[in-house]
Amino acid sequence: MADITSEGAPGRRTEAHNHAGSSATPDDGRRPIPPDLISVVELFYFAYRDFTCDPDVMLEQYGFGRAHHRVLHFVHRNPGLKVAELLDILKITKQSLARVLKQLVDEGFVIQRAGSEDRRERRLYLSAKGGRLTDKLTQIQVKRIEGALAALGPGADVVARNFLFAMITEKDRPQVEILIKGQHAENAAGPDANE
């Protein structure tokens, strides 16, 4: 296995980085990638790493991972969300969701209820315990975002929102826009808070 921390590694990285961003056209006809855009890709990876690191530590205490976090987040924001809708939001397999959801239900973080119109539907709600955990996770991520936006000055929130929205696949944008505005079709009242 190669030692990526060896003194030779930075030089190799720089050579590879310079080749990828060089102005010469590759032999296979691909357009060269400007180094500034490669830097944006790398910044995106680093930002995501740090955005998720604090919640990861908290989730680990429960034996949960990022999939659990995403389920908690979207169920919290959309009480009464159908399992089928959650699958569409997360873009994961039924098996992956079933495993994560079972753990969250078994441990009392998520409550499943039959739909009021169609009893076969499974509607999802957070328990009070699930709500408390989700609020803690959201607070630490919001704090990081607030700090970054404050450092950039007025108007940074609008630019950041527009950039992130533009990164979403165009066909998914209408659904995402509805979700982030909290306009879920059936925001049914959740179960009692003391469940």
Protein backbone atom coordinates (compact mmCIF):
# COMPACT_ATOMS: atom_id res chain seq x y z
CA MET A 1 0.00 0.00 0.00
CA ALA A 2 1.38 3.43 -0.93
CA ASP A 3 2.22 5.92 1.77
CA ILE A 4 0.34 9.07 0.84
CA THR A 5 2.08 11.00 3.62
CA SER A 6 5.57 10.48 2.17
CA GLU A 7 7.60 13.50 1.14
CA GLY A 8 7.28 12.53 -2.51
CA ALA A 9 3.48 12.67 -2.43
CA PRO A 10 3.07 16.47 -2.61
CA GLY A 11 5.29 16.64 -5.68
CA ARG A 12 3.34 13.91 -7.42
CA ARG A 13 0.08 15.60 -6.51
CA THR A 14 1.29 18.90 -7.91
CA GLU A 15 2.40 17.27 -11.15
CA ALA A 16 -0.94 15.50 -11.52
CA HIS A 17 -2.77 18.71 -10.60
CA ASN A 18 -0.80 20.73 -13.13
CA HIS A 19 -1.37 18.14 -15.86
CA ALA A 20 -5.13 18.08 -15.20
CA GLY A 21 -5.31 21.85 -15.37
CA SER A 22 -2.84 22.42 -18.18
CA SER A 23 -3.85 24.45 -21.18
CA ALA A 24 -2.79 21.71 -23.62
CA THR A 25 -5.65 19.68 -25.09
CA PRO A 26 -5.52 16.01 -24.01
CA ASP A 27 -4.91 13.48 -26.78
CA ASP A 28 -8.40 11.98 -26.40
CA GLY A 29 -10.10 15.24 -27.36
CA ARG A 30 -11.37 16.12 -23.88
CA ARG A 31 -11.45 19.76 -22.96
CA PRO A 32 -8.82 20.69 -20.35
CA ILE A 33 -10.19 21.47 -16.90
CA PRO A 34 -9.24 24.91 -15.60
CA PRO A 35 -7.32 24.67 -12.29
CA ASP A 36 -9.74 27.13 -10.66
CA LEU A 37 -12.63 24.71 -11.24
CA ILE A 38 -10.60 21.80 -9.86
CA SER A 39 -10.03 23.93 -6.77
CA VAL A 40 -13.78 24.48 -6.44
CA VAL A 41 -14.36 20.72 -6.61
CA GLU A 42 -11.75 20.18 -3.90
CA LEU A 43 -13.21 22.94 -1.73
CA PHE A 44 -16.61 21.33 -2.10
CA TYR A 45 -15.20 18.02 -0.79
CA PHE A 46 -13.46 19.71 2.14
CA ALA A 47 -16.53 21.81 3.00
CA TYR A 48 -18.75 18.72 2.97
CA ARG A 49 -16.25 16.85 5.14
CA ASP A 50 -16.31 19.58 7.77
CA PHE A 51 -20.07 20.19 7.45
CA THR A 52 -20.71 16.54 8.32
CA CYS A 53 -17.90 15.87 10.83
CA ASP A 54 -19.57 17.33 13.95
CA PRO A 55 -22.90 15.54 13.36
CA ASP A 56 -21.02 12.32 12.55
CA VAL A 57 -19.47 12.34 16.02
CA MET A 58 -22.86 12.87 17.67
CA LEU A 59 -24.56 10.22 15.50
CA GLU A 60 -21.83 7.69 16.27
CA GLN A 61 -22.90 7.74 19.94
CA TYR A 62 -26.22 6.21 18.83
CA GLY A 63 -24.73 3.82 16.29
CA PHE A 64 -26.17 5.99 13.51
CA GLY A 65 -24.63 7.31 10.31
CA ARG A 66 -25.34 9.94 7.67
CA ALA A 67 -28.29 8.02 6.22
CA HIS A 68 -29.97 8.14 9.64
CA HIS A 69 -29.27 11.87 9.79
CA ARG A 70 -30.88 12.50 6.41
CA VAL A 71 -33.97 10.49 7.36
CA LEU A 72 -34.32 12.38 10.64
CA HIS A 73 -33.85 15.73 8.89
CA PHE A 74 -36.44 15.22 6.16
CA VAL A 75 -39.02 13.58 8.42
CA HIS A 76 -38.57 16.46 10.90
CA ARG A 77 -39.08 19.04 8.16
CA ASN A 78 -42.01 17.15 6.61
CA PRO A 79 -44.12 15.44 9.30
CA GLY A 80 -46.36 12.80 7.75
CA LEU A 81 -43.94 12.16 4.89
CA LYS A 82 -44.70 8.94 3.01
CA VAL A 83 -41.98 6.30 2.85
CA ALA A 84 -42.23 6.44 -0.98
CA GLU A 85 -41.65 10.21 -0.90
CA LEU A 86 -38.65 9.79 1.38
CA LEU A 87 -37.17 7.25 -1.05
CA ASP A 88 -37.58 9.80 -3.84
CA ILE A 89 -35.90 12.55 -1.81
CA LEU A 90 -32.94 10.46 -0.67
CA LYS A 91 -32.44 8.55 -3.95
CA ILE A 92 -31.52 5.36 -2.10
CA THR A 93 -32.73 1.77 -2.44
CA LYS A 94 -35.69 0.41 -0.51
CA GLN A 95 -33.34 -2.02 1.27
CA SER A 96 -31.05 0.79 2.44
CA LEU A 97 -33.95 2.85 3.72
CA ALA A 98 -35.64 -0.15 5.34
CA ARG A 99 -32.54 -0.95 7.40
CA VAL A 100 -32.06 2.66 8.55
CA LEU A 101 -35.75 3.26 9.19
CA LYS A 102 -36.14 0.03 11.17
CA GLN A 103 -33.34 1.09 13.49
CA LEU A 104 -34.81 4.58 13.96
CA VAL A 105 -38.29 3.14 14.65
CA ASP A 106 -37.02 0.35 16.93
CA GLU A 107 -35.05 2.85 19.01
CA GLY A 108 -37.94 5.30 19.29
CA PHE A 109 -36.69 8.17 17.13
CA VAL A 110 -39.25 7.78 14.32
CA ILE A 111 -42.92 6.81 14.51
CA GLN A 112 -44.75 5.14 11.62
CA ARG A 113 -48.48 5.60 11.20
CA ALA A 114 -50.90 4.37 8.57
CA GLY A 115 -52.16 7.05 6.18
CA SER A 116 -55.57 8.55 6.97
CA GLU A 117 -56.91 7.99 3.43
CA ASP A 118 -54.92 4.91 2.44
CA ARG A 119 -54.18 2.62 5.39
CA ARG A 120 -51.44 0.87 3.37
CA GLU A 121 -49.38 4.06 3.28
CA ARG A 122 -46.76 4.48 5.95
CA ARG A 123 -46.49 8.05 7.20
CA LEU A 124 -43.42 9.07 9.18
CA TYR A 125 -43.12 11.38 12.17
CA LEU A 126 -40.39 12.09 14.68
CA SER A 127 -40.94 11.28 18.30
CA ALA A 128 -39.98 13.90 20.89
CA LYS A 129 -36.67 12.03 21.27
CA GLY A 130 -36.10 12.13 17.50
CA GLY A 131 -36.96 15.82 17.41
CA ARG A 132 -34.43 16.63 20.14
CA LEU A 133 -31.63 14.78 18.36
CA THR A 134 -32.47 16.35 15.01
CA ASP A 135 -32.54 19.84 16.54
CA LYS A 136 -29.07 19.29 18.03
CA LEU A 137 -27.70 18.07 14.70
CA THR A 138 -29.25 20.99 12.83
CA GLN A 139 -27.96 23.54 15.35
CA ILE A 140 -24.34 22.51 14.92
CA GLN A 141 -24.60 22.60 11.12
CA VAL A 142 -26.43 25.94 11.12
CA LYS A 143 -23.73 27.39 13.38
CA ARG A 144 -21.04 26.40 10.84
CA ILE A 145 -23.03 27.90 7.94
CA GLU A 146 -23.77 31.09 9.88
CA GLY A 147 -20.07 31.57 10.62
CA ALA A 148 -19.08 31.07 6.99
CA LEU A 149 -21.77 33.44 5.68
CA ALA A 150 -20.95 36.08 8.31
CA ALA A 151 -17.29 35.98 7.26
CA LEU A 152 -18.30 36.66 3.64
CA GLY A 153 -20.52 39.64 4.43
CA PRO A 154 -23.93 40.88 3.27
CA GLY A 155 -25.58 39.03 0.41
CA ALA A 156 -23.48 35.88 0.84
CA ASP A 157 -26.55 33.85 1.83
CA VAL A 158 -28.29 34.63 -1.46
CA VAL A 159 -25.20 33.76 -3.53
CA ALA A 160 -24.68 30.53 -1.57
CA ARG A 161 -28.34 29.52 -1.94
CA ASN A 162 -28.30 30.24 -5.68
CA PHE A 163 -25.05 28.28 -6.16
CA LEU A 164 -26.32 25.25 -4.25
CA PHE A 165 -29.67 25.33 -6.06
CA ALA A 166 -27.87 25.49 -9.43
CA MET A 167 -25.88 22.36 -8.44
CA ILE A 168 -29.12 20.34 -8.22
CA THR A 169 -30.20 18.40 -11.31
CA GLU A 170 -32.63 20.62 -13.20
CA LYS A 171 -35.51 18.11 -13.20
CA ASP A 172 -35.30 17.83 -9.38
CA ARG A 173 -35.32 21.58 -8.69
CA PRO A 174 -39.12 22.06 -8.45
CA GLN A 175 -39.41 19.26 -5.85
CA VAL A 176 -36.44 20.62 -3.89
CA GLU A 177 -37.88 24.12 -3.96
CA ILE A 178 -41.14 22.85 -2.46
CA LEU A 179 -39.28 20.83 0.18
CA ILE A 180 -37.04 23.64 1.35
CA LYS A 181 -40.01 25.96 1.68
CA GLY A 182 -41.73 23.40 3.91
CA GLN A 183 -44.79 23.08 1.69
CA HIS A 184 -45.21 19.32 1.92
CA ALA A 185 -48.52 18.21 0.45
CA GLU A 186 -49.90 16.66 3.63
CA ASN A 187 -48.25 18.24 6.65
CA ALA A 188 -50.48 16.25 8.94
CA ALA A 189 -50.23 16.84 12.64
CA GLY A 190 -47.61 14.66 14.25
CA PRO A 191 -48.10 12.24 17.11
CA ASP A 192 -48.18 13.42 20.67
CA ALA A 193 -44.86 14.94 21.73
CA ASN A 194 -44.59 12.67 24.75
CA GLU A 195 -44.65 9.43 22.74
